[in-house]
Amino acid sequence: MEIEIFTDETFIVDKKTNTEYLGIGCLFVPTSFKKEFVDKLLELRCMNENSDTWHWDFKNCLNSKAKLCKEKWHKLNNKEIHYKELREKSPHHLKEISKRWIKFLLQHNQNYSDKNKLIYFKILYIDLKKLDKTFFGNEETDNIVYNRFYRMVILGAKNFFFKDEKFIIKEFFHDKSSEKELSNIFPWNTPNKLDKIEDVDIQKDTITFIDSNHNNYAYEKFKKNAQFIQFIDLILGCINQILFQPAKTQIKNEISNIYYPLFKKIWEEPNNKNSHLNFYRKQDVSIFPKEKMYYQ
């Protein structure tokens, strides 16, 4: 299967144990499904439920021509979705789109079985207290640690989601990070290492960094790619809230509660092939080193 990989990261402290975790979230998008996937995310930005077409500019919005949309509403619909920035005072549009995207994830799981039209993601949390960083050397240690586990996430997906298939990675995308972009190691290391593995075909040998805020781009291609970074960021945020409860914000709890039924199944029954939520060999959440973590 040919895919593109969209990656975001998170650092979070479990206040109950004072343990710091690095979280890596990868969204694996089949190239044959990419257009349909992003078009649906964009469609869900429009508050008019009868609309199935999204336009970046208000002047081209079909709802504006029918006087069903106002420019200020359209601008709110077009803002970046970023879980960490959600507040009670956030515009209703941002809160509603975030909920819609998570509902879409659950509904899509239940309604689709074609492997080429599924939503694949793998999220790994690394307990940094249990890592001996001296094992990874002294130069660019943090990037070397990240590379190792980034590669682990991708190989885990290859072996679990795409077993017995030719694994073609068309391109790697990563949320912008000045530290990683300026690294002498990170941009090329993972593509280079993976390209040496049998049944892995790397089409582009460096990682592309993209801004999650699509409004910082003029070209539609980049705007659309940013939607996938926002989507995996939203999933990561929900899991952070469920596992670690870092925020007491009501809207964050509301969005996480929508995701919770899927998380509960993935976390407690990872090998359940018959779940109605249809996540087996498609979506995974885990902690390294493996341990039992209880959540409230």
C-alpha atoms as a PDB file:
ATOM      1  CA  MET A   1       0.000   0.000   0.000  1.00  0.00           C
ATOM      2  CA  GLU A   2       1.221   3.489  -0.822  1.00  0.00           C
ATOM      3  CA  ILE A   3       0.841   5.927   2.045  1.00  0.00           C
ATOM      4  CA  GLU A   4       1.850   9.334   3.315  1.00  0.00           C
ATOM      5  CA  ILE A   5       2.717   9.771   6.989  1.00  0.00           C
ATOM      6  CA  PHE A   6       1.694  12.831   9.000  1.00  0.00           C
ATOM      7  CA  THR A   7       3.314  13.177  12.424  1.00  0.00           C
ATOM      8  CA  ASP A   8       2.821  15.333  15.492  1.00  0.00           C
ATOM      9  CA  GLU A   9       4.397  15.102  18.922  1.00  0.00           C
ATOM     10  CA  THR A  10       3.475  16.012  22.466  1.00  0.00           C
ATOM     11  CA  PHE A  11       5.278  16.350  25.781  1.00  0.00           C
ATOM     12  CA  ILE A  12       3.133  15.867  28.834  1.00  0.00           C
ATOM     13  CA  VAL A  13       3.602  15.330  32.564  1.00  0.00           C
ATOM     14  CA  ASP A  14       1.408  12.948  34.502  1.00  0.00           C
ATOM     15  CA  LYS A  15       0.811  15.098  37.589  1.00  0.00           C
ATOM     16  CA  LYS A  16      -0.217  12.083  39.671  1.00  0.00           C
ATOM     17  CA  THR A  17       3.213  10.465  39.295  1.00  0.00           C
ATOM     18  CA  ASN A  18       5.302  13.427  38.077  1.00  0.00           C
ATOM     19  CA  THR A  19       6.302  11.280  35.095  1.00  0.00           C
ATOM     20  CA  GLU A  20       7.137  12.995  31.815  1.00  0.00           C
ATOM     21  CA  TYR A  21       6.051  11.369  28.584  1.00  0.00           C
ATOM     22  CA  LEU A  22       6.990  11.992  24.991  1.00  0.00           C
ATOM     23  CA  GLY A  23       4.082  11.176  22.718  1.00  0.00           C
ATOM     24  CA  ILE A  24       4.478  10.502  18.990  1.00  0.00           C
ATOM     25  CA  GLY A  25       1.374  10.322  16.823  1.00  0.00           C
ATOM     26  CA  CYS A  26       1.497   9.139  13.213  1.00  0.00           C
ATOM     27  CA  LEU A  27      -1.411   9.254  10.807  1.00  0.00           C
ATOM     28  CA  PHE A  28      -0.957   6.881   7.856  1.00  0.00           C
ATOM     29  CA  VAL A  29      -2.975   8.107   4.888  1.00  0.00           C
ATOM     30  CA  PRO A  30      -3.396   5.809   1.864  1.00  0.00           C
ATOM     31  CA  THR A  31      -2.724   7.955  -1.190  1.00  0.00           C
ATOM     32  CA  SER A  32      -5.772   6.453  -2.911  1.00  0.00           C
ATOM     33  CA  PHE A  33      -7.948   7.753  -0.059  1.00  0.00           C
ATOM     34  CA  LYS A  34      -6.210  11.069   0.593  1.00  0.00           C
ATOM     35  CA  LYS A  35      -8.467  13.320  -1.497  1.00  0.00           C
ATOM     36  CA  GLU A  36     -11.683  11.824  -0.126  1.00  0.00           C
ATOM     37  CA  PHE A  37     -10.316  11.991   3.438  1.00  0.00           C
ATOM     38  CA  VAL A  38      -9.267  15.643   3.354  1.00  0.00           C
ATOM     39  CA  ASP A  39     -12.386  16.699   1.452  1.00  0.00           C
ATOM     40  CA  LYS A  40     -14.483  15.238   4.272  1.00  0.00           C
ATOM     41  CA  LEU A  41     -12.487  17.083   6.941  1.00  0.00           C
ATOM     42  CA  LEU A  42     -12.956  20.309   5.018  1.00  0.00           C
ATOM     43  CA  GLU A  43     -16.649  19.662   4.435  1.00  0.00           C
ATOM     44  CA  LEU A  44     -17.077  19.339   8.212  1.00  0.00           C
ATOM     45  CA  ARG A  45     -15.717  22.860   8.642  1.00  0.00           C
ATOM     46  CA  CYS A  46     -18.895  24.307   7.154  1.00  0.00           C
ATOM     47  CA  MET A  47     -21.631  24.890   9.726  1.00  0.00           C
ATOM     48  CA  ASN A  48     -24.295  24.472   7.033  1.00  0.00           C
ATOM     49  CA  GLU A  49     -25.018  20.758   7.304  1.00  0.00           C
ATOM     50  CA  ASN A  50     -26.564  20.738   3.837  1.00  0.00           C
ATOM     51  CA  SER A  51     -23.319  21.870   2.271  1.00  0.00           C
ATOM     52  CA  ASP A  52     -20.856  19.304   0.925  1.00  0.00           C
ATOM     53  CA  THR A  53     -18.336  21.670  -0.652  1.00  0.00           C
ATOM     54  CA  TRP A  54     -15.697  23.789   1.056  1.00  0.00           C
ATOM     55  CA  HIS A  55     -14.056  26.918  -0.343  1.00  0.00           C
ATOM     56  CA  TRP A  56     -11.127  28.648   1.323  1.00  0.00           C
ATOM     57  CA  ASP A  57     -12.330  32.120   0.332  1.00  0.00           C
ATOM     58  CA  PHE A  58     -15.658  33.562   1.402  1.00  0.00           C
ATOM     59  CA  LYS A  59     -16.268  35.072  -2.034  1.00  0.00           C
ATOM     60  CA  ASN A  60     -16.298  31.565  -3.553  1.00  0.00           C
ATOM     61  CA  CYS A  61     -18.395  30.017  -0.797  1.00  0.00           C
ATOM     62  CA  LEU A  62     -21.648  28.668  -2.209  1.00  0.00           C
ATOM     63  CA  ASN A  63     -23.395  29.484   1.063  1.00  0.00           C
ATOM     64  CA  SER A  64     -22.363  33.130   0.792  1.00  0.00           C
ATOM     65  CA  LYS A  65     -23.999  33.352  -2.606  1.00  0.00           C
ATOM     66  CA  ALA A  66     -27.177  31.886  -1.117  1.00  0.00           C
ATOM     67  CA  LYS A  67     -26.847  34.315   1.815  1.00  0.00           C
ATOM     68  CA  LEU A  68     -26.501  31.388   4.247  1.00  0.00           C
ATOM     69  CA  CYS A  69     -23.021  32.414   5.380  1.00  0.00           C
ATOM     70  CA  LYS A  70     -21.362  35.602   6.552  1.00  0.00           C
ATOM     71  CA  GLU A  71     -17.710  36.526   6.072  1.00  0.00           C
ATOM     72  CA  LYS A  72     -16.992  36.545   9.816  1.00  0.00           C
ATOM     73  CA  TRP A  73     -18.517  33.061  10.147  1.00  0.00           C
ATOM     74  CA  HIS A  74     -16.469  31.767   7.236  1.00  0.00           C
ATOM     75  CA  LYS A  75     -13.258  33.086   8.784  1.00  0.00           C
ATOM     76  CA  LEU A  76     -14.065  31.296  12.038  1.00  0.00           C
ATOM     77  CA  ASN A  77     -14.714  28.049  10.150  1.00  0.00           C
ATOM     78  CA  ASN A  78     -11.344  28.454   8.475  1.00  0.00           C
ATOM     79  CA  LYS A  79      -9.199  28.726  11.619  1.00  0.00           C
ATOM     80  CA  GLU A  80      -6.603  26.169  12.701  1.00  0.00           C
ATOM     81  CA  ILE A  81      -7.856  23.326  14.899  1.00  0.00           C
ATOM     82  CA  HIS A  82      -5.384  22.926  17.753  1.00  0.00           C
ATOM     83  CA  TYR A  83      -6.494  20.940  20.789  1.00  0.00           C
ATOM     84  CA  LYS A  84      -4.128  22.620  23.234  1.00  0.00           C
ATOM     85  CA  GLU A  85      -5.475  26.061  22.357  1.00  0.00           C
ATOM     86  CA  LEU A  86      -9.154  25.198  22.875  1.00  0.00           C
ATOM     87  CA  ARG A  87     -10.768  27.194  25.677  1.00  0.00           C
ATOM     88  CA  GLU A  88     -14.282  27.830  26.954  1.00  0.00           C
ATOM     89  CA  LYS A  89     -14.053  31.225  25.250  1.00  0.00           C
ATOM     90  CA  SER A  90     -12.939  29.726  21.945  1.00  0.00           C
ATOM     91  CA  PRO A  91     -15.331  30.480  19.073  1.00  0.00           C
ATOM     92  CA  HIS A  92     -18.245  28.066  18.841  1.00  0.00           C
ATOM     93  CA  HIS A  93     -17.145  27.161  15.321  1.00  0.00           C
ATOM     94  CA  LEU A  94     -13.761  25.791  16.471  1.00  0.00           C
ATOM     95  CA  LYS A  95     -15.344  23.735  19.227  1.00  0.00           C
ATOM     96  CA  GLU A  96     -17.992  22.364  16.907  1.00  0.00           C
ATOM     97  CA  ILE A  97     -15.534  21.442  14.132  1.00  0.00           C
ATOM     98  CA  SER A  98     -13.325  19.642  16.659  1.00  0.00           C
ATOM     99  CA  LYS A  99     -16.307  17.592  17.823  1.00  0.00           C
ATOM    100  CA  ARG A 100     -17.335  16.877  14.243  1.00  0.00           C
ATOM    101  CA  TRP A 101     -13.892  15.584  13.321  1.00  0.00           C
ATOM    102  CA  ILE A 102     -13.824  13.136  16.236  1.00  0.00           C
ATOM    103  CA  LYS A 103     -17.379  11.991  15.497  1.00  0.00           C
ATOM    104  CA  PHE A 104     -16.329  11.479  11.888  1.00  0.00           C
ATOM    105  CA  LEU A 105     -13.473   9.212  13.040  1.00  0.00           C
ATOM    106  CA  LEU A 106     -15.827   6.963  15.009  1.00  0.00           C
ATOM    107  CA  GLN A 107     -18.477   6.902  12.299  1.00  0.00           C
ATOM    108  CA  HIS A 108     -15.954   6.188   9.561  1.00  0.00           C
ATOM    109  CA  ASN A 109     -14.595   3.243  11.538  1.00  0.00           C
ATOM    110  CA  GLN A 110     -18.050   1.737  11.745  1.00  0.00           C
ATOM    111  CA  ASN A 111     -19.076   2.373   8.146  1.00  0.00           C
ATOM    112  CA  TYR A 112     -16.015   1.360   6.135  1.00  0.00           C
ATOM    113  CA  SER A 113     -14.161  -1.924   5.736  1.00  0.00           C
ATOM    114  CA  ASP A 114     -12.207  -1.365   2.509  1.00  0.00           C
ATOM    115  CA  LYS A 115      -8.572  -1.317   3.692  1.00  0.00           C
ATOM    116  CA  ASN A 116      -7.747   1.387   1.159  1.00  0.00           C
ATOM    117  CA  LYS A 117     -10.314   3.735   2.704  1.00  0.00           C
ATOM    118  CA  LEU A 118      -9.543   3.344   6.390  1.00  0.00           C
ATOM    119  CA  ILE A 119      -8.110   5.774   8.926  1.00  0.00           C
ATOM    120  CA  TYR A 120      -4.831   4.416  10.250  1.00  0.00           C
ATOM    121  CA  PHE A 121      -2.978   5.899  13.202  1.00  0.00           C
ATOM    122  CA  LYS A 122      -0.462   4.724  15.754  1.00  0.00           C
ATOM    123  CA  ILE A 123       0.379   6.640  18.914  1.00  0.00           C
ATOM    124  CA  LEU A 124       3.244   5.807  21.232  1.00  0.00           C
ATOM    125  CA  TYR A 125       4.013   7.355  24.613  1.00  0.00           C
ATOM    126  CA  ILE A 126       7.578   7.009  25.917  1.00  0.00           C
ATOM    127  CA  ASP A 127       8.164   7.139  29.671  1.00  0.00           C
ATOM    128  CA  LEU A 128      11.213   9.419  29.758  1.00  0.00           C
ATOM    129  CA  LYS A 129      12.006   8.547  33.370  1.00  0.00           C
ATOM    130  CA  LYS A 130      12.790   5.009  32.314  1.00  0.00           C
ATOM    131  CA  LEU A 131      15.137   5.949  29.486  1.00  0.00           C
ATOM    132  CA  ASP A 132      18.899   5.928  29.929  1.00  0.00           C
ATOM    133  CA  LYS A 133      19.788   8.666  27.459  1.00  0.00           C
ATOM    134  CA  THR A 134      23.501   7.899  27.700  1.00  0.00           C
ATOM    135  CA  PHE A 135      22.721   4.794  25.664  1.00  0.00           C
ATOM    136  CA  PHE A 136      21.923   7.074  22.711  1.00  0.00           C
ATOM    137  CA  GLY A 137      25.208   9.030  22.719  1.00  0.00           C
ATOM    138  CA  ASN A 138      26.003  12.638  23.519  1.00  0.00           C
ATOM    139  CA  GLU A 139      25.512  14.433  20.197  1.00  0.00           C
ATOM    140  CA  GLU A 140      21.921  15.512  19.466  1.00  0.00           C
ATOM    141  CA  THR A 141      20.723  13.004  22.050  1.00  0.00           C
ATOM    142  CA  ASP A 142      17.102  14.166  22.055  1.00  0.00           C
ATOM    143  CA  ASN A 143      16.843  13.895  18.268  1.00  0.00           C
ATOM    144  CA  ILE A 144      18.445  10.449  18.315  1.00  0.00           C
ATOM    145  CA  VAL A 145      15.953   9.301  20.971  1.00  0.00           C
ATOM    146  CA  TYR A 146      13.081  10.740  18.975  1.00  0.00           C
ATOM    147  CA  ASN A 147      14.350   9.137  15.753  1.00  0.00           C
ATOM    148  CA  ARG A 148      14.528   5.728  17.379  1.00  0.00           C
ATOM    149  CA  PHE A 149      10.946   5.822  18.608  1.00  0.00           C
ATOM    150  CA  TYR A 150       9.615   7.576  15.492  1.00  0.00           C
ATOM    151  CA  ARG A 151      11.009   4.698  13.486  1.00  0.00           C
ATOM    152  CA  MET A 152       9.515   2.245  15.988  1.00  0.00           C
ATOM    153  CA  VAL A 153       6.056   3.728  15.452  1.00  0.00           C
ATOM    154  CA  ILE A 154       6.325   3.472  11.668  1.00  0.00           C
ATOM    155  CA  LEU A 155       7.685  -0.079  11.711  1.00  0.00           C
ATOM    156  CA  GLY A 156       5.029  -1.055  14.232  1.00  0.00           C
ATOM    157  CA  ALA A 157       2.376   0.175  11.809  1.00  0.00           C
ATOM    158  CA  LYS A 158       4.033  -1.631   8.891  1.00  0.00           C
ATOM    159  CA  ASN A 159       4.088  -4.930  10.757  1.00  0.00           C
ATOM    160  CA  PHE A 160       0.648  -4.637  12.354  1.00  0.00           C
ATOM    161  CA  PHE A 161      -1.510  -2.566   9.983  1.00  0.00           C
ATOM    162  CA  PHE A 162       0.086  -3.444   6.645  1.00  0.00           C
ATOM    163  CA  LYS A 163       1.412  -6.937   7.258  1.00  0.00           C
ATOM    164  CA  ASP A 164       2.384  -8.930   4.155  1.00  0.00           C
ATOM    165  CA  GLU A 165       2.023  -5.860   1.928  1.00  0.00           C
ATOM    166  CA  LYS A 166       4.549  -3.815   0.029  1.00  0.00           C
ATOM    167  CA  PHE A 167       4.931  -0.742   2.249  1.00  0.00           C
ATOM    168  CA  ILE A 168       5.428   2.307   0.024  1.00  0.00           C
ATOM    169  CA  ILE A 169       5.982   5.629   1.785  1.00  0.00           C
ATOM    170  CA  LYS A 170       5.410   8.400  -0.729  1.00  0.00           C
ATOM    171  CA  GLU A 171       6.332  11.171   1.697  1.00  0.00           C
ATOM    172  CA  PHE A 172       6.944  11.915   5.366  1.00  0.00           C
ATOM    173  CA  PHE A 173       5.325  15.036   6.837  1.00  0.00           C
ATOM    174  CA  HIS A 174       6.093  16.388  10.300  1.00  0.00           C
ATOM    175  CA  ASP A 175       4.689  19.340  12.209  1.00  0.00           C
ATOM    176  CA  LYS A 176       7.150  22.220  12.048  1.00  0.00           C
ATOM    177  CA  SER A 177       9.938  22.098  14.610  1.00  0.00           C
ATOM    178  CA  SER A 178      12.947  24.394  14.336  1.00  0.00           C
ATOM    179  CA  GLU A 179      15.021  21.996  16.429  1.00  0.00           C
ATOM    180  CA  LYS A 180      14.306  19.064  14.125  1.00  0.00           C
ATOM    181  CA  GLU A 181      14.529  21.075  10.909  1.00  0.00           C
ATOM    182  CA  LEU A 182      17.993  22.378  11.857  1.00  0.00           C
ATOM    183  CA  SER A 183      19.188  18.967  13.040  1.00  0.00           C
ATOM    184  CA  ASN A 184      22.013  17.290  11.156  1.00  0.00           C
ATOM    185  CA  ILE A 185      20.332  13.962  11.843  1.00  0.00           C
ATOM    186  CA  PHE A 186      16.560  14.089  11.963  1.00  0.00           C
ATOM    187  CA  PRO A 187      15.454  15.121   8.434  1.00  0.00           C
ATOM    188  CA  TRP A 188      17.134  12.178   6.682  1.00  0.00           C
ATOM    189  CA  ASN A 189      17.762   9.500   9.328  1.00  0.00           C
ATOM    190  CA  THR A 190      14.422   7.701   9.487  1.00  0.00           C
ATOM    191  CA  PRO A 191      13.797   7.612   5.702  1.00  0.00           C
ATOM    192  CA  ASN A 192      17.364   6.338   5.190  1.00  0.00           C
ATOM    193  CA  LYS A 193      17.066   3.595   7.830  1.00  0.00           C
ATOM    194  CA  LEU A 194      13.652   2.435   6.626  1.00  0.00           C
ATOM    195  CA  ASP A 195      14.763   2.290   3.006  1.00  0.00           C
ATOM    196  CA  LYS A 196      17.149  -0.524   3.911  1.00  0.00           C
ATOM    197  CA  ILE A 197      14.317  -2.771   5.098  1.00  0.00           C
ATOM    198  CA  GLU A 198      12.878  -5.405   2.787  1.00  0.00           C
ATOM    199  CA  ASP A 199       9.358  -4.614   1.501  1.00  0.00           C
ATOM    200  CA  VAL A 200       9.751  -0.915   2.365  1.00  0.00           C
ATOM    201  CA  ASP A 201       9.957   1.524  -0.540  1.00  0.00           C
ATOM    202  CA  ILE A 202      10.803   5.150   0.293  1.00  0.00           C
ATOM    203  CA  GLN A 203       9.812   7.592  -2.446  1.00  0.00           C
ATOM    204  CA  LYS A 204      11.266  10.718  -0.817  1.00  0.00           C
ATOM    205  CA  ASP A 205      14.378  10.426   1.335  1.00  0.00           C
ATOM    206  CA  THR A 206      13.881  13.487   3.559  1.00  0.00           C
ATOM    207  CA  ILE A 207      11.119  14.592   5.915  1.00  0.00           C
ATOM    208  CA  THR A 208       8.939  17.528   4.894  1.00  0.00           C
ATOM    209  CA  PHE A 209       8.094  19.953   7.694  1.00  0.00           C
ATOM    210  CA  ILE A 210       4.732  21.675   7.457  1.00  0.00           C
ATOM    211  CA  ASP A 211       2.980  24.329   9.487  1.00  0.00           C
ATOM    212  CA  SER A 212      -0.210  22.990  11.028  1.00  0.00           C
ATOM    213  CA  ASN A 213      -1.863  26.375  10.446  1.00  0.00           C
ATOM    214  CA  HIS A 214      -3.105  26.152   6.857  1.00  0.00           C
ATOM    215  CA  ASN A 215      -3.730  29.893   6.776  1.00  0.00           C
ATOM    216  CA  ASN A 216       0.020  30.387   6.559  1.00  0.00           C
ATOM    217  CA  TYR A 217      -0.014  28.853   3.083  1.00  0.00           C
ATOM    218  CA  ALA A 218      -1.203  30.196  -0.250  1.00  0.00           C
ATOM    219  CA  TYR A 219      -1.212  26.903  -2.161  1.00  0.00           C
ATOM    220  CA  GLU A 220      -4.111  24.494  -1.732  1.00  0.00           C
ATOM    221  CA  LYS A 221      -1.850  21.435  -1.596  1.00  0.00           C
ATOM    222  CA  PHE A 222      -0.125  22.733   1.541  1.00  0.00           C
ATOM    223  CA  LYS A 223      -3.403  23.899   3.067  1.00  0.00           C
ATOM    224  CA  LYS A 224      -4.828  20.404   2.674  1.00  0.00           C
ATOM    225  CA  ASN A 225      -1.763  18.655   4.091  1.00  0.00           C
ATOM    226  CA  ALA A 226      -2.018  20.863   7.187  1.00  0.00           C
ATOM    227  CA  GLN A 227      -5.493  19.404   7.873  1.00  0.00           C
ATOM    228  CA  PHE A 228      -3.951  15.998   8.568  1.00  0.00           C
ATOM    229  CA  ILE A 229      -1.525  17.473  11.103  1.00  0.00           C
ATOM    230  CA  GLN A 230      -4.477  19.162  12.820  1.00  0.00           C
ATOM    231  CA  PHE A 231      -6.409  15.878  12.791  1.00  0.00           C
ATOM    232  CA  ILE A 232      -3.666  13.806  14.463  1.00  0.00           C
ATOM    233  CA  ASP A 233      -3.070  16.691  16.912  1.00  0.00           C
ATOM    234  CA  LEU A 234      -6.738  16.497  17.898  1.00  0.00           C
ATOM    235  CA  ILE A 235      -6.547  12.738  18.478  1.00  0.00           C
ATOM    236  CA  LEU A 236      -3.343  13.151  20.523  1.00  0.00           C
ATOM    237  CA  GLY A 237      -5.022  15.851  22.602  1.00  0.00           C
ATOM    238  CA  CYS A 238      -7.999  13.633  23.357  1.00  0.00           C
ATOM    239  CA  ILE A 239      -5.759  10.780  24.490  1.00  0.00           C
ATOM    240  CA  ASN A 240      -3.655  13.122  26.638  1.00  0.00           C
ATOM    241  CA  GLN A 241      -6.811  14.323  28.341  1.00  0.00           C
ATOM    242  CA  ILE A 242      -8.118  10.798  28.960  1.00  0.00           C
ATOM    243  CA  LEU A 243      -4.832   9.399  30.275  1.00  0.00           C
ATOM    244  CA  PHE A 244      -3.359  12.358  32.118  1.00  0.00           C
ATOM    245  CA  GLN A 245      -6.192  14.887  32.580  1.00  0.00           C
ATOM    246  CA  PRO A 246      -3.907  17.911  32.165  1.00  0.00           C
ATOM    247  CA  ALA A 247      -6.796  20.355  31.688  1.00  0.00           C
ATOM    248  CA  LYS A 248     -10.043  21.014  33.509  1.00  0.00           C
ATOM    249  CA  THR A 249     -11.497  22.860  30.547  1.00  0.00           C
ATOM    250  CA  GLN A 250     -15.029  21.678  29.855  1.00  0.00           C
ATOM    251  CA  ILE A 251     -14.718  21.781  26.071  1.00  0.00           C
ATOM    252  CA  LYS A 252     -11.624  19.574  26.150  1.00  0.00           C
ATOM    253  CA  ASN A 253     -13.495  17.064  28.285  1.00  0.00           C
ATOM    254  CA  GLU A 254     -16.476  17.181  25.942  1.00  0.00           C
ATOM    255  CA  ILE A 255     -14.344  16.429  22.885  1.00  0.00           C
ATOM    256  CA  SER A 256     -12.361  13.723  24.691  1.00  0.00           C
ATOM    257  CA  ASN A 257     -15.589  12.109  25.869  1.00  0.00           C
ATOM    258  CA  ILE A 258     -16.682  11.738  22.253  1.00  0.00           C
ATOM    259  CA  TYR A 259     -13.427   9.897  21.515  1.00  0.00           C
ATOM    260  CA  TYR A 260     -13.502   7.895  24.763  1.00  0.00           C
ATOM    261  CA  PRO A 261     -15.520   4.841  23.558  1.00  0.00           C
ATOM    262  CA  LEU A 262     -12.963   4.232  20.820  1.00  0.00           C
ATOM    263  CA  PHE A 263     -10.007   4.849  23.143  1.00  0.00           C
ATOM    264  CA  LYS A 264     -11.433   2.453  25.750  1.00  0.00           C
ATOM    265  CA  LYS A 265     -11.691  -0.356  23.216  1.00  0.00           C
ATOM    266  CA  ILE A 266      -8.211   0.270  21.777  1.00  0.00           C
ATOM    267  CA  TRP A 267      -6.669   0.469  25.260  1.00  0.00           C
ATOM    268  CA  GLU A 268      -8.484  -2.420  26.947  1.00  0.00           C
ATOM    269  CA  GLU A 269      -9.156  -4.759  24.020  1.00  0.00           C
ATOM    270  CA  PRO A 270      -6.419  -4.069  21.445  1.00  0.00           C
ATOM    271  CA  ASN A 271      -6.845  -7.486  19.825  1.00  0.00           C
ATOM    272  CA  ASN A 272     -10.626  -7.387  19.556  1.00  0.00           C
ATOM    273  CA  LYS A 273     -11.225  -8.196  15.892  1.00  0.00           C
ATOM    274  CA  ASN A 274     -15.000  -8.042  16.227  1.00  0.00           C
ATOM    275  CA  SER A 275     -15.526  -4.642  17.826  1.00  0.00           C
ATOM    276  CA  HIS A 276     -18.220  -2.548  16.165  1.00  0.00           C
ATOM    277  CA  LEU A 277     -15.710   0.317  16.298  1.00  0.00           C
ATOM    278  CA  ASN A 278     -13.573  -1.559  13.767  1.00  0.00           C
ATOM    279  CA  PHE A 279     -10.148  -0.411  15.005  1.00  0.00           C
ATOM    280  CA  TYR A 280      -8.202  -3.691  14.945  1.00  0.00           C
ATOM    281  CA  ARG A 281      -5.044  -3.429  12.801  1.00  0.00           C
ATOM    282  CA  LYS A 282      -5.939   0.162  11.992  1.00  0.00           C
ATOM    283  CA  GLN A 283      -5.467   2.200  15.182  1.00  0.00           C
ATOM    284  CA  ASP A 284      -3.230   1.662  18.174  1.00  0.00           C
ATOM    285  CA  VAL A 285      -2.217   3.478  21.377  1.00  0.00           C
ATOM    286  CA  SER A 286       0.594   2.170  23.571  1.00  0.00           C
ATOM    287  CA  ILE A 287       3.239   3.088  26.141  1.00  0.00           C
ATOM    288  CA  PHE A 288       6.931   2.210  26.189  1.00  0.00           C
ATOM    289  CA  PRO A 289       8.096   0.423  28.264  1.00  0.00           C
ATOM    290  CA  LYS A 290       4.915  -1.616  28.343  1.00  0.00           C
ATOM    291  CA  GLU A 291       3.019  -1.153  31.551  1.00  0.00           C
ATOM    292  CA  LYS A 292      -0.516  -1.098  32.793  1.00  0.00           C
ATOM    293  CA  MET A 293      -1.785   2.456  33.177  1.00  0.00           C
ATOM    294  CA  TYR A 294      -5.121   3.169  34.721  1.00  0.00           C
ATOM    295  CA  TYR A 295      -7.140   6.227  33.804  1.00  0.00           C
ATOM    296  CA  GLN A 296     -10.220   7.916  35.182  1.00  0.00           C
END
